[in-house]
PDB file of N, CA and C in Angstrom:
ATOM      1  N   UNK A   1     -69.353  77.484   7.336  1.00  0.00           N
ATOM      2  CA  UNK A   1     -68.440  76.639   8.046  1.00  0.00           C
ATOM      3  C   UNK A   1     -67.027  77.003   7.635  1.00  0.00           C
ATOM      4  N   UNK A   2     -66.158  77.120   8.593  1.00  0.00           N
ATOM      5  CA  UNK A   2     -64.763  77.433   8.343  1.00  0.00           C
ATOM      6  C   UNK A   2     -63.932  76.661   9.342  1.00  0.00           C
ATOM      7  N   UNK A   3     -62.889  76.003   8.856  1.00  0.00           N
ATOM      8  CA  UNK A   3     -61.999  75.264   9.731  1.00  0.00           C
ATOM      9  C   UNK A   3     -60.595  75.318   9.139  1.00  0.00           C
ATOM     10  N   UNK A   4     -59.599  75.153   9.974  1.00  0.00           N
ATOM     11  CA  UNK A   4     -58.225  75.125   9.492  1.00  0.00           C
ATOM     12  C   UNK A   4     -57.455  74.104  10.302  1.00  0.00           C
ATOM     13  N   UNK A   5     -56.360  73.656   9.729  1.00  0.00           N
ATOM     14  CA  UNK A   5     -55.526  72.680  10.409  1.00  0.00           C
ATOM     15  C   UNK A   5     -54.118  72.710   9.863  1.00  0.00           C
ATOM     16  N   UNK A   6     -53.217  72.127  10.596  1.00  0.00           N
ATOM     17  CA  UNK A   6     -51.818  72.033  10.194  1.00  0.00           C
ATOM     18  C   UNK A   6     -51.608  70.690   9.516  1.00  0.00           C
ATOM     19  N   UNK A   7     -51.085  70.707   8.322  1.00  0.00           N
ATOM     20  CA  UNK A   7     -50.785  69.477   7.603  1.00  0.00           C
ATOM     21  C   UNK A   7     -49.371  69.066   7.974  1.00  0.00           C
ATOM     22  N   UNK A   8     -49.244  67.921   8.572  1.00  0.00           N
ATOM     23  CA  UNK A   8     -47.916  67.440   8.957  1.00  0.00           C
ATOM     24  C   UNK A   8     -47.184  66.923   7.724  1.00  0.00           C
ATOM     25  N   UNK A   9     -45.976  67.373   7.558  1.00  0.00           N
ATOM     26  CA  UNK A   9     -45.156  66.873   6.458  1.00  0.00           C
ATOM     27  C   UNK A   9     -43.696  66.864   6.903  1.00  0.00           C
ATOM     28  N   UNK A  10     -42.861  66.345   6.043  1.00  0.00           N
ATOM     29  CA  UNK A  10     -41.442  66.197   6.380  1.00  0.00           C
ATOM     30  C   UNK A  10     -40.707  67.533   6.386  1.00  0.00           C
ATOM     31  N   UNK A  11     -41.228  68.542   5.689  1.00  0.00           N
ATOM     32  CA  UNK A  11     -40.567  69.833   5.590  1.00  0.00           C
ATOM     33  C   UNK A  11     -40.974  70.691   6.792  1.00  0.00           C
ATOM     34  N   UNK A  12     -40.161  70.700   7.845  1.00  0.00           N
ATOM     35  CA  UNK A  12     -40.506  71.453   9.046  1.00  0.00           C
ATOM     36  C   UNK A  12     -40.130  72.922   8.933  1.00  0.00           C
ATOM     37  N   UNK A  13     -39.264  73.280   7.990  1.00  0.00           N
ATOM     38  CA  UNK A  13     -38.880  74.678   7.829  1.00  0.00           C
ATOM     39  C   UNK A  13     -40.033  75.487   7.246  1.00  0.00           C
ATOM     40  N   UNK A  14     -40.797  74.896   6.337  1.00  0.00           N
ATOM     41  CA  UNK A  14     -41.935  75.562   5.707  1.00  0.00           C
ATOM     42  C   UNK A  14     -43.176  74.676   5.875  1.00  0.00           C
ATOM     43  N   UNK A  15     -43.891  74.823   6.980  1.00  0.00           N
ATOM     44  CA  UNK A  15     -45.068  73.967   7.182  1.00  0.00           C
ATOM     45  C   UNK A  15     -46.174  74.283   6.185  1.00  0.00           C
ATOM     46  N   UNK A  16     -47.030  73.322   5.975  1.00  0.00           N
ATOM     47  CA  UNK A  16     -48.188  73.484   5.104  1.00  0.00           C
ATOM     48  C   UNK A  16     -49.435  73.588   5.970  1.00  0.00           C
ATOM     49  N   UNK A  17     -50.449  74.256   5.455  1.00  0.00           N
ATOM     50  CA  UNK A  17     -51.683  74.468   6.191  1.00  0.00           C
ATOM     51  C   UNK A  17     -52.870  74.133   5.309  1.00  0.00           C
ATOM     52  N   UNK A  18     -53.985  73.832   5.936  1.00  0.00           N
ATOM     53  CA  UNK A  18     -55.210  73.611   5.178  1.00  0.00           C
ATOM     54  C   UNK A  18     -56.289  74.545   5.695  1.00  0.00           C
ATOM     55  N   UNK A  19     -57.065  75.080   4.781  1.00  0.00           N
ATOM     56  CA  UNK A  19     -58.197  75.940   5.079  1.00  0.00           C
ATOM     57  C   UNK A  19     -59.411  75.291   4.441  1.00  0.00           C
ATOM     58  N   UNK A  20     -60.393  74.947   5.259  1.00  0.00           N
ATOM     59  CA  UNK A  20     -61.554  74.219   4.766  1.00  0.00           C
ATOM     60  C   UNK A  20     -62.765  75.130   4.850  1.00  0.00           C
ATOM     61  N   UNK A  21     -63.411  75.320   3.722  1.00  0.00           N
ATOM     62  CA  UNK A  21     -64.600  76.160   3.639  1.00  0.00           C
ATOM     63  C   UNK A  21     -65.758  75.307   3.168  1.00  0.00           C
ATOM     64  N   UNK A  22     -66.945  75.660   3.589  1.00  0.00           N
ATOM     65  CA  UNK A  22     -68.088  74.878   3.155  1.00  0.00           C
ATOM     66  C   UNK A  22     -69.365  75.684   3.135  1.00  0.00           C
ATOM     67  N   UNK A  23     -70.261  75.254   2.283  1.00  0.00           N
ATOM     68  CA  UNK A  23     -71.617  75.765   2.280  1.00  0.00           C
ATOM     69  C   UNK A  23     -72.543  74.560   2.287  1.00  0.00           C
ATOM     70  N   UNK A  24     -73.818  74.737   2.044  1.00  0.00           N
ATOM     71  CA  UNK A  24     -74.722  73.598   2.161  1.00  0.00           C
ATOM     72  C   UNK A  24     -74.612  72.625   1.003  1.00  0.00           C
ATOM     73  N   UNK A  25     -73.907  72.981  -0.059  1.00  0.00           N
ATOM     74  CA  UNK A  25     -73.811  72.109  -1.220  1.00  0.00           C
ATOM     75  C   UNK A  25     -72.445  71.467  -1.402  1.00  0.00           C
ATOM     76  N   UNK A  26     -71.376  72.091  -0.888  1.00  0.00           N
ATOM     77  CA  UNK A  26     -70.033  71.614  -1.198  1.00  0.00           C
ATOM     78  C   UNK A  26     -69.059  71.958  -0.076  1.00  0.00           C
ATOM     79  N   UNK A  27     -68.033  71.137   0.086  1.00  0.00           N
ATOM     80  CA  UNK A  27     -66.913  71.379   1.004  1.00  0.00           C
ATOM     81  C   UNK A  27     -65.681  71.633   0.141  1.00  0.00           C
ATOM     82  N   UNK A  28     -64.979  72.730   0.407  1.00  0.00           N
ATOM     83  CA  UNK A  28     -63.797  73.103  -0.364  1.00  0.00           C
ATOM     84  C   UNK A  28     -62.560  72.926   0.505  1.00  0.00           C
ATOM     85  N   UNK A  29     -61.597  72.138   0.012  1.00  0.00           N
ATOM     86  CA  UNK A  29     -60.336  71.889   0.705  1.00  0.00           C
ATOM     87  C   UNK A  29     -59.249  72.740   0.036  1.00  0.00           C
ATOM     88  N   UNK A  30     -58.732  73.723   0.761  1.00  0.00           N
ATOM     89  CA  UNK A  30     -57.674  74.597   0.263  1.00  0.00           C
ATOM     90  C   UNK A  30     -56.400  74.283   1.030  1.00  0.00           C
ATOM     91  N   UNK A  31     -55.307  74.075   0.312  1.00  0.00           N
ATOM     92  CA  UNK A  31     -54.035  73.736   0.945  1.00  0.00           C
ATOM     93  C   UNK A  31     -53.016  74.821   0.612  1.00  0.00           C
ATOM     94  N   UNK A  32     -52.425  75.365   1.657  1.00  0.00           N
ATOM     95  CA  UNK A  32     -51.404  76.387   1.514  1.00  0.00           C
ATOM     96  C   UNK A  32     -50.058  75.711   1.704  1.00  0.00           C
ATOM     97  N   UNK A  33     -49.285  75.614   0.614  1.00  0.00           N
ATOM     98  CA  UNK A  33     -48.007  74.903   0.632  1.00  0.00           C
ATOM     99  C   UNK A  33     -46.908  75.796   0.096  1.00  0.00           C
ATOM    100  N   UNK A  34     -45.712  75.593   0.626  1.00  0.00           N
ATOM    101  CA  UNK A  34     -44.565  76.381   0.187  1.00  0.00           C
ATOM    102  C   UNK A  34     -43.995  75.793  -1.094  1.00  0.00           C
ATOM    103  N   UNK A  35     -43.829  76.638  -2.100  1.00  0.00           N
ATOM    104  CA  UNK A  35     -43.245  76.236  -3.379  1.00  0.00           C
ATOM    105  C   UNK A  35     -41.794  76.717  -3.410  1.00  0.00           C
ATOM    106  N   UNK A  36     -40.877  75.774  -3.413  1.00  0.00           N
ATOM    107  CA  UNK A  36     -39.459  76.113  -3.330  1.00  0.00           C
ATOM    108  C   UNK A  36     -38.960  76.822  -4.599  1.00  0.00           C
ATOM    109  N   UNK A  37     -39.567  76.519  -5.748  1.00  0.00           N
ATOM    110  CA  UNK A  37     -39.098  77.138  -6.998  1.00  0.00           C
ATOM    111  C   UNK A  37     -39.422  78.626  -7.067  1.00  0.00           C
ATOM    112  N   UNK A  38     -40.551  79.038  -6.511  1.00  0.00           N
ATOM    113  CA  UNK A  38     -40.902  80.459  -6.528  1.00  0.00           C
ATOM    114  C   UNK A  38     -40.652  81.134  -5.186  1.00  0.00           C
ATOM    115  N   UNK A  39     -40.246  80.349  -4.176  1.00  0.00           N
ATOM    116  CA  UNK A  39     -39.947  80.848  -2.834  1.00  0.00           C
ATOM    117  C   UNK A  39     -41.119  81.618  -2.224  1.00  0.00           C
ATOM    118  N   UNK A  40     -42.321  81.055  -2.382  1.00  0.00           N
ATOM    119  CA  UNK A  40     -43.507  81.656  -1.786  1.00  0.00           C
ATOM    120  C   UNK A  40     -44.559  80.578  -1.532  1.00  0.00           C
ATOM    121  N   UNK A  41     -45.509  80.919  -0.707  1.00  0.00           N
ATOM    122  CA  UNK A  41     -46.618  80.001  -0.443  1.00  0.00           C
ATOM    123  C   UNK A  41     -47.638  80.110  -1.564  1.00  0.00           C
ATOM    124  N   UNK A  42     -48.141  78.966  -1.987  1.00  0.00           N
ATOM    125  CA  UNK A  42     -49.189  78.910  -3.007  1.00  0.00           C
ATOM    126  C   UNK A  42     -50.386  78.159  -2.438  1.00  0.00           C
ATOM    127  N   UNK A  43     -51.580  78.619  -2.803  1.00  0.00           N
ATOM    128  CA  UNK A  43     -52.786  77.942  -2.345  1.00  0.00           C
ATOM    129  C   UNK A  43     -53.330  77.085  -3.476  1.00  0.00           C
ATOM    130  N   UNK A  44     -53.503  75.808  -3.159  1.00  0.00           N
ATOM    131  CA  UNK A  44     -54.106  74.862  -4.097  1.00  0.00           C
ATOM    132  C   UNK A  44     -55.495  74.548  -3.562  1.00  0.00           C
ATOM    133  N   UNK A  45     -56.497  74.704  -4.413  1.00  0.00           N
ATOM    134  CA  UNK A  45     -57.849  74.462  -3.933  1.00  0.00           C
ATOM    135  C   UNK A  45     -58.496  73.328  -4.708  1.00  0.00           C
ATOM    136  N   UNK A  46     -59.472  72.709  -4.067  1.00  0.00           N
ATOM    137  CA  UNK A  46     -60.203  71.616  -4.679  1.00  0.00           C
ATOM    138  C   UNK A  46     -61.482  71.360  -3.911  1.00  0.00           C
ATOM    139  N   UNK A  47     -62.350  70.592  -4.509  1.00  0.00           N
ATOM    140  CA  UNK A  47     -63.610  70.257  -3.869  1.00  0.00           C
ATOM    141  C   UNK A  47     -63.523  68.875  -3.253  1.00  0.00           C
ATOM    142  N   UNK A  48     -64.251  68.692  -2.186  1.00  0.00           N
ATOM    143  CA  UNK A  48     -64.326  67.400  -1.531  1.00  0.00           C
ATOM    144  C   UNK A  48     -65.320  66.517  -2.279  1.00  0.00           C
ATOM    145  N   UNK A  49     -64.956  65.263  -2.480  1.00  0.00           N
ATOM    146  CA  UNK A  49     -65.864  64.336  -3.151  1.00  0.00           C
ATOM    147  C   UNK A  49     -66.972  63.935  -2.198  1.00  0.00           C
ATOM    148  N   UNK A  50     -68.205  64.119  -2.653  1.00  0.00           N
ATOM    149  CA  UNK A  50     -69.388  63.774  -1.872  1.00  0.00           C
ATOM    150  C   UNK A  50     -70.067  62.568  -2.505  1.00  0.00           C
ATOM    151  N   UNK A  51     -71.007  61.938  -1.812  1.00  0.00           N
ATOM    152  CA  UNK A  51     -71.733  60.817  -2.422  1.00  0.00           C
ATOM    153  C   UNK A  51     -72.483  61.259  -3.678  1.00  0.00           C
ATOM    154  N   UNK A  52     -72.792  60.292  -4.551  1.00  0.00           N
ATOM    155  CA  UNK A  52     -73.467  60.604  -5.813  1.00  0.00           C
ATOM    156  C   UNK A  52     -74.815  61.274  -5.604  1.00  0.00           C
ATOM    157  N   UNK A  53     -75.498  60.928  -4.530  1.00  0.00           N
ATOM    158  CA  UNK A  53     -76.803  61.527  -4.253  1.00  0.00           C
ATOM    159  C   UNK A  53     -76.675  62.926  -3.684  1.00  0.00           C
ATOM    160  N   UNK A  54     -75.467  63.344  -3.367  1.00  0.00           N
ATOM    161  CA  UNK A  54     -75.245  64.658  -2.787  1.00  0.00           C
ATOM    162  C   UNK A  54     -75.376  64.602  -1.275  1.00  0.00           C
ATOM    163  N   UNK A  55     -74.922  65.615  -0.629  1.00  0.00           N
ATOM    164  CA  UNK A  55     -74.994  65.706   0.814  1.00  0.00           C
ATOM    165  C   UNK A  55     -75.348  67.141   1.156  1.00  0.00           C
ATOM    166  N   UNK A  56     -76.585  67.520   0.898  1.00  0.00           N
ATOM    167  CA  UNK A  56     -77.050  68.878   1.153  1.00  0.00           C
ATOM    168  C   UNK A  56     -77.396  69.019   2.621  1.00  0.00           C
ATOM    169  N   UNK A  57     -76.500  69.627   3.368  1.00  0.00           N
ATOM    170  CA  UNK A  57     -76.675  69.826   4.799  1.00  0.00           C
ATOM    171  C   UNK A  57     -76.264  71.250   5.139  1.00  0.00           C
ATOM    172  N   UNK A  58     -76.847  71.760   6.203  1.00  0.00           N
ATOM    173  CA  UNK A  58     -76.377  73.026   6.745  1.00  0.00           C
ATOM    174  C   UNK A  58     -75.460  72.704   7.906  1.00  0.00           C
ATOM    175  N   UNK A  59     -74.189  73.079   7.766  1.00  0.00           N
ATOM    176  CA  UNK A  59     -73.176  72.735   8.754  1.00  0.00           C
ATOM    177  C   UNK A  59     -73.121  73.814   9.831  1.00  0.00           C
ATOM    178  N   UNK A  60     -73.222  73.395  11.098  1.00  0.00           N
ATOM    179  CA  UNK A  60     -73.213  74.331  12.214  1.00  0.00           C
ATOM    180  C   UNK A  60     -71.823  74.529  12.807  1.00  0.00           C
ATOM    181  N   UNK A  61     -70.975  73.532  12.734  1.00  0.00           N
ATOM    182  CA  UNK A  61     -69.626  73.650  13.276  1.00  0.00           C
ATOM    183  C   UNK A  61     -68.709  72.707  12.518  1.00  0.00           C
ATOM    184  N   UNK A  62     -67.422  72.920  12.676  1.00  0.00           N
ATOM    185  CA  UNK A  62     -66.431  71.998  12.122  1.00  0.00           C
ATOM    186  C   UNK A  62     -65.222  71.972  13.052  1.00  0.00           C
ATOM    187  N   UNK A  63     -64.663  70.801  13.198  1.00  0.00           N
ATOM    188  CA  UNK A  63     -63.464  70.597  14.019  1.00  0.00           C
ATOM    189  C   UNK A  63     -62.499  69.726  13.228  1.00  0.00           C
ATOM    190  N   UNK A  64     -61.230  70.077  13.261  1.00  0.00           N
ATOM    191  CA  UNK A  64     -60.200  69.327  12.548  1.00  0.00           C
ATOM    192  C   UNK A  64     -59.323  68.599  13.551  1.00  0.00           C
ATOM    193  N   UNK A  65     -59.071  67.312  13.293  1.00  0.00           N
ATOM    194  CA  UNK A  65     -58.164  66.525  14.115  1.00  0.00           C
ATOM    195  C   UNK A  65     -57.344  65.657  13.180  1.00  0.00           C
ATOM    196  N   UNK A  66     -56.122  66.079  12.868  1.00  0.00           N
ATOM    197  CA  UNK A  66     -55.272  65.311  11.965  1.00  0.00           C
ATOM    198  C   UNK A  66     -55.885  65.217  10.585  1.00  0.00           C
ATOM    199  N   UNK A  67     -56.185  64.006  10.149  1.00  0.00           N
ATOM    200  CA  UNK A  67     -56.779  63.782   8.833  1.00  0.00           C
ATOM    201  C   UNK A  67     -58.297  63.948   8.856  1.00  0.00           C
ATOM    202  N   UNK A  68     -58.907  63.976  10.019  1.00  0.00           N
ATOM    203  CA  UNK A  68     -60.367  64.000  10.105  1.00  0.00           C
ATOM    204  C   UNK A  68     -60.914  65.418  10.192  1.00  0.00           C
ATOM    205  N   UNK A  69     -61.953  65.681   9.434  1.00  0.00           N
ATOM    206  CA  UNK A  69     -62.752  66.884   9.565  1.00  0.00           C
ATOM    207  C   UNK A  69     -64.116  66.437  10.066  1.00  0.00           C
ATOM    208  N   UNK A  70     -64.490  66.869  11.254  1.00  0.00           N
ATOM    209  CA  UNK A  70     -65.761  66.504  11.864  1.00  0.00           C
ATOM    210  C   UNK A  70     -66.691  67.704  11.765  1.00  0.00           C
ATOM    211  N   UNK A  71     -67.855  67.531  11.163  1.00  0.00           N
ATOM    212  CA  UNK A  71     -68.807  68.619  11.005  1.00  0.00           C
ATOM    213  C   UNK A  71     -70.143  68.207  11.603  1.00  0.00           C
ATOM    214  N   UNK A  72     -70.822  69.163  12.195  1.00  0.00           N
ATOM    215  CA  UNK A  72     -72.146  68.931  12.741  1.00  0.00           C
ATOM    216  C   UNK A  72     -73.185  69.618  11.884  1.00  0.00           C
ATOM    217  N   UNK A  73     -74.324  68.986  11.692  1.00  0.00           N
ATOM    218  CA  UNK A  73     -75.346  69.522  10.793  1.00  0.00           C
ATOM    219  C   UNK A  73     -76.593  69.916  11.574  1.00  0.00           C
ATOM    220  N   UNK A  74     -77.428  70.723  10.938  1.00  0.00           N
ATOM    221  CA  UNK A  74     -78.688  71.130  11.553  1.00  0.00           C
ATOM    222  C   UNK A  74     -79.704  69.999  11.545  1.00  0.00           C
ATOM    223  N   UNK A  75     -79.435  68.939  10.790  1.00  0.00           N
ATOM    224  CA  UNK A  75     -80.330  67.778  10.794  1.00  0.00           C
ATOM    225  C   UNK A  75     -79.945  66.758  11.868  1.00  0.00           C
ATOM    226  N   UNK A  76     -78.870  67.023  12.631  1.00  0.00           N
ATOM    227  CA  UNK A  76     -78.507  66.171  13.752  1.00  0.00           C
ATOM    228  C   UNK A  76     -77.470  65.123  13.464  1.00  0.00           C
ATOM    229  N   UNK A  77     -76.701  65.276  12.414  1.00  0.00           N
ATOM    230  CA  UNK A  77     -75.670  64.296  12.062  1.00  0.00           C
ATOM    231  C   UNK A  77     -74.286  64.877  12.290  1.00  0.00           C
ATOM    232  N   UNK A  78     -73.334  63.999  12.534  1.00  0.00           N
ATOM    233  CA  UNK A  78     -71.918  64.352  12.504  1.00  0.00           C
ATOM    234  C   UNK A  78     -71.364  63.723  11.234  1.00  0.00           C
ATOM    235  N   UNK A  79     -70.884  64.551  10.321  1.00  0.00           N
ATOM    236  CA  UNK A  79     -70.304  64.073   9.060  1.00  0.00           C
ATOM    237  C   UNK A  79     -68.788  64.077   9.195  1.00  0.00           C
ATOM    238  N   UNK A  80     -68.155  63.053   8.633  1.00  0.00           N
ATOM    239  CA  UNK A  80     -66.708  62.882   8.726  1.00  0.00           C
ATOM    240  C   UNK A  80     -66.121  62.942   7.324  1.00  0.00           C
ATOM    241  N   UNK A  81     -65.103  63.787   7.159  1.00  0.00           N
ATOM    242  CA  UNK A  81     -64.405  63.942   5.886  1.00  0.00           C
ATOM    243  C   UNK A  81     -62.921  63.679   6.108  1.00  0.00           C
ATOM    244  N   UNK A  82     -62.248  63.211   5.075  1.00  0.00           N
ATOM    245  CA  UNK A  82     -60.799  63.053   5.102  1.00  0.00           C
ATOM    246  C   UNK A  82     -60.176  64.302   4.488  1.00  0.00           C
ATOM    247  N   UNK A  83     -59.324  64.981   5.247  1.00  0.00           N
ATOM    248  CA  UNK A  83     -58.708  66.219   4.772  1.00  0.00           C
ATOM    249  C   UNK A  83     -57.657  65.918   3.709  1.00  0.00           C
ATOM    250  N   UNK A  84     -56.830  64.885   3.919  1.00  0.00           N
ATOM    251  CA  UNK A  84     -55.723  64.600   3.013  1.00  0.00           C
ATOM    252  C   UNK A  84     -56.201  64.114   1.650  1.00  0.00           C
ATOM    253  N   UNK A  85     -57.224  63.267   1.626  1.00  0.00           N
ATOM    254  CA  UNK A  85     -57.700  62.747   0.346  1.00  0.00           C
ATOM    255  C   UNK A  85     -58.921  63.486  -0.177  1.00  0.00           C
ATOM    256  N   UNK A  86     -59.424  64.480   0.561  1.00  0.00           N
ATOM    257  CA  UNK A  86     -60.564  65.313   0.146  1.00  0.00           C
ATOM    258  C   UNK A  86     -61.770  64.465  -0.245  1.00  0.00           C
ATOM    259  N   UNK A  87     -62.195  63.613   0.670  1.00  0.00           N
ATOM    260  CA  UNK A  87     -63.302  62.716   0.371  1.00  0.00           C
ATOM    261  C   UNK A  87     -64.209  62.582   1.604  1.00  0.00           C
ATOM    262  N   UNK A  88     -65.483  62.399   1.338  1.00  0.00           N
ATOM    263  CA  UNK A  88     -66.473  62.147   2.387  1.00  0.00           C
ATOM    264  C   UNK A  88     -66.292  60.719   2.886  1.00  0.00           C
ATOM    265  N   UNK A  89     -66.302  60.533   4.214  1.00  0.00           N
ATOM    266  CA  UNK A  89     -66.117  59.203   4.782  1.00  0.00           C
ATOM    267  C   UNK A  89     -67.414  58.609   5.313  1.00  0.00           C
ATOM    268  N   UNK A  90     -68.108  59.324   6.212  1.00  0.00           N
ATOM    269  CA  UNK A  90     -69.290  58.748   6.849  1.00  0.00           C
ATOM    270  C   UNK A  90     -70.098  59.845   7.526  1.00  0.00           C
ATOM    271  N   UNK A  91     -71.295  59.480   7.935  1.00  0.00           N
ATOM    272  CA  UNK A  91     -72.108  60.359   8.773  1.00  0.00           C
ATOM    273  C   UNK A  91     -72.807  59.511   9.828  1.00  0.00           C
ATOM    274  N   UNK A  92     -72.985  60.107  11.009  1.00  0.00           N
ATOM    275  CA  UNK A  92     -73.615  59.418  12.127  1.00  0.00           C
ATOM    276  C   UNK A  92     -74.753  60.279  12.656  1.00  0.00           C
ATOM    277  N   UNK A  93     -75.953  59.728  12.769  1.00  0.00           N
ATOM    278  CA  UNK A  93     -77.022  60.496  13.413  1.00  0.00           C
ATOM    279  C   UNK A  93     -76.767  60.558  14.924  1.00  0.00           C
ATOM    280  N   UNK A  94     -76.843  61.764  15.483  1.00  0.00           N
ATOM    281  CA  UNK A  94     -76.533  61.948  16.893  1.00  0.00           C
ATOM    282  C   UNK A  94     -77.718  62.525  17.665  1.00  0.00           C
ATOM    283  N   UNK A  95     -78.398  63.498  17.080  1.00  0.00           N
ATOM    284  CA  UNK A  95     -79.470  64.187  17.785  1.00  0.00           C
ATOM    285  C   UNK A  95     -80.652  64.388  16.850  1.00  0.00           C
ATOM    286  N   UNK A  96     -81.844  64.353  17.410  1.00  0.00           N
ATOM    287  CA  UNK A  96     -83.045  64.501  16.584  1.00  0.00           C
ATOM    288  C   UNK A  96     -83.310  65.954  16.196  1.00  0.00           C
ATOM    289  N   UNK A  97     -82.890  66.914  16.990  1.00  0.00           N
ATOM    290  CA  UNK A  97     -83.204  68.318  16.745  1.00  0.00           C
ATOM    291  C   UNK A  97     -82.000  69.142  16.322  1.00  0.00           C
ATOM    292  N   UNK A  98     -81.049  68.545  15.672  1.00  0.00           N
ATOM    293  CA  UNK A  98     -79.877  69.267  15.195  1.00  0.00           C
ATOM    294  C   UNK A  98     -78.767  69.296  16.222  1.00  0.00           C
ATOM    295  N   UNK A  99     -77.595  69.662  15.758  1.00  0.00           N
ATOM    296  CA  UNK A  99     -76.422  69.800  16.622  1.00  0.00           C
ATOM    297  C   UNK A  99     -76.095  71.282  16.700  1.00  0.00           C
ATOM    298  N   UNK A 100     -75.986  71.787  17.930  1.00  0.00           N
ATOM    299  CA  UNK A 100     -75.777  73.222  18.121  1.00  0.00           C
ATOM    300  C   UNK A 100     -74.345  73.587  18.480  1.00  0.00           C
ATOM    301  N   UNK A 101     -73.627  72.683  19.148  1.00  0.00           N
ATOM    302  CA  UNK A 101     -72.266  73.014  19.553  1.00  0.00           C
ATOM    303  C   UNK A 101     -71.452  71.738  19.722  1.00  0.00           C
ATOM    304  N   UNK A 102     -70.142  71.927  19.781  1.00  0.00           N
ATOM    305  CA  UNK A 102     -69.250  70.786  19.975  1.00  0.00           C
ATOM    306  C   UNK A 102     -67.939  71.267  20.585  1.00  0.00           C
ATOM    307  N   UNK A 103     -67.304  70.371  21.305  1.00  0.00           N
ATOM    308  CA  UNK A 103     -65.980  70.615  21.871  1.00  0.00           C
ATOM    309  C   UNK A 103     -65.143  69.375  21.612  1.00  0.00           C
ATOM    310  N   UNK A 104     -63.926  69.596  21.193  1.00  0.00           N
ATOM    311  CA  UNK A 104     -63.035  68.500  20.834  1.00  0.00           C
ATOM    312  C   UNK A 104     -62.053  68.266  21.965  1.00  0.00           C
ATOM    313  N   UNK A 105     -62.097  67.064  22.554  1.00  0.00           N
ATOM    314  CA  UNK A 105     -61.150  66.672  23.597  1.00  0.00           C
ATOM    315  C   UNK A 105     -60.004  65.899  22.978  1.00  0.00           C
ATOM    316  N   UNK A 106     -59.216  65.243  23.813  1.00  0.00           N
ATOM    317  CA  UNK A 106     -58.067  64.506  23.295  1.00  0.00           C
ATOM    318  C   UNK A 106     -58.498  63.284  22.484  1.00  0.00           C
ATOM    319  N   UNK A 107     -59.458  62.526  22.989  1.00  0.00           N
ATOM    320  CA  UNK A 107     -59.923  61.333  22.287  1.00  0.00           C
ATOM    321  C   UNK A 107     -61.416  61.348  22.018  1.00  0.00           C
ATOM    322  N   UNK A 108     -62.094  62.423  22.400  1.00  0.00           N
ATOM    323  CA  UNK A 108     -63.547  62.457  22.318  1.00  0.00           C
ATOM    324  C   UNK A 108     -64.041  63.742  21.670  1.00  0.00           C
ATOM    325  N   UNK A 109     -65.233  63.666  21.115  1.00  0.00           N
ATOM    326  CA  UNK A 109     -65.964  64.826  20.621  1.00  0.00           C
ATOM    327  C   UNK A 109     -67.217  64.936  21.465  1.00  0.00           C
ATOM    328  N   UNK A 110     -67.372  66.059  22.155  1.00  0.00           N
ATOM    329  CA  UNK A 110     -68.563  66.309  22.960  1.00  0.00           C
ATOM    330  C   UNK A 110     -69.523  67.145  22.124  1.00  0.00           C
ATOM    331  N   UNK A 111     -70.744  66.663  21.956  1.00  0.00           N
ATOM    332  CA  UNK A 111     -71.713  67.285  21.065  1.00  0.00           C
ATOM    333  C   UNK A 111     -72.930  67.719  21.868  1.00  0.00           C
ATOM    334  N   UNK A 112     -73.347  68.984  21.690  1.00  0.00           N
ATOM    335  CA  UNK A 112     -74.556  69.498  22.304  1.00  0.00           C
ATOM    336  C   UNK A 112     -75.675  69.518  21.285  1.00  0.00           C
ATOM    337  N   UNK A 113     -76.710  68.732  21.530  1.00  0.00           N
ATOM    338  CA  UNK A 113     -77.805  68.609  20.583  1.00  0.00           C
ATOM    339  C   UNK A 113     -78.982  69.500  20.929  1.00  0.00           C
ATOM    340  N   UNK A 114     -79.884  69.637  19.975  1.00  0.00           N
ATOM    341  CA  UNK A 114     -81.076  70.435  20.156  1.00  0.00           C
ATOM    342  C   UNK A 114     -82.083  69.804  21.088  1.00  0.00           C
ATOM    343  N   UNK A 115     -81.889  68.552  21.438  1.00  0.00           N
ATOM    344  CA  UNK A 115     -82.792  67.882  22.372  1.00  0.00           C
ATOM    345  C   UNK A 115     -82.381  68.099  23.826  1.00  0.00           C
ATOM    346  N   UNK A 116     -81.338  68.918  24.065  1.00  0.00           N
ATOM    347  CA  UNK A 116     -80.907  69.232  25.417  1.00  0.00           C
ATOM    348  C   UNK A 116     -79.905  68.261  26.001  1.00  0.00           C
ATOM    349  N   UNK A 117     -79.404  67.337  25.221  1.00  0.00           N
ATOM    350  CA  UNK A 117     -78.459  66.343  25.714  1.00  0.00           C
ATOM    351  C   UNK A 117     -77.062  66.632  25.201  1.00  0.00           C
ATOM    352  N   UNK A 118     -76.079  66.278  25.994  1.00  0.00           N
ATOM    353  CA  UNK A 118     -74.670  66.338  25.594  1.00  0.00           C
ATOM    354  C   UNK A 118     -74.215  64.902  25.404  1.00  0.00           C
ATOM    355  N   UNK A 119     -73.662  64.624  24.244  1.00  0.00           N
ATOM    356  CA  UNK A 119     -73.208  63.268  23.946  1.00  0.00           C
ATOM    357  C   UNK A 119     -71.704  63.245  23.744  1.00  0.00           C
ATOM    358  N   UNK A 120     -71.095  62.142  24.142  1.00  0.00           N
ATOM    359  CA  UNK A 120     -69.650  61.959  24.037  1.00  0.00           C
ATOM    360  C   UNK A 120     -69.388  60.913  22.971  1.00  0.00           C
ATOM    361  N   UNK A 121     -68.637  61.302  21.942  1.00  0.00           N
ATOM    362  CA  UNK A 121     -68.343  60.416  20.819  1.00  0.00           C
ATOM    363  C   UNK A 121     -66.855  60.111  20.817  1.00  0.00           C
ATOM    364  N   UNK A 122     -66.509  58.844  20.795  1.00  0.00           N
ATOM    365  CA  UNK A 122     -65.116  58.417  20.740  1.00  0.00           C
ATOM    366  C   UNK A 122     -64.584  58.609  19.320  1.00  0.00           C
ATOM    367  N   UNK A 123     -63.440  59.256  19.197  1.00  0.00           N
ATOM    368  CA  UNK A 123     -62.848  59.495  17.869  1.00  0.00           C
ATOM    369  C   UNK A 123     -61.841  58.424  17.560  1.00  0.00           C
TER     370      UNK A 123
END
């Protein structure tokens, strides 16, 4: 899983970016920010906090919308993470046979499941 997004901040001359990487055991939040003292971009990395029981999932897709990272799993859930605070928020079961694809609209997430149905989720 790989996703990226623009981090909105007050410094418009040097925008910051986030690069989100994940495997089945962990989500890594990497932030690329401009350091004025060294006059270069520096990458700060960290792990996303998951529940104590763990969240071992195989992620099929990821979409970033502002603070939200929406990921689809092979077990049929949409997991929601907060990009700014690097924390797991929630998961929603959507399809019984896994999630294969997704498209992000203005206010909706369209999810294609393994059961042959397309579902519309309000964000």
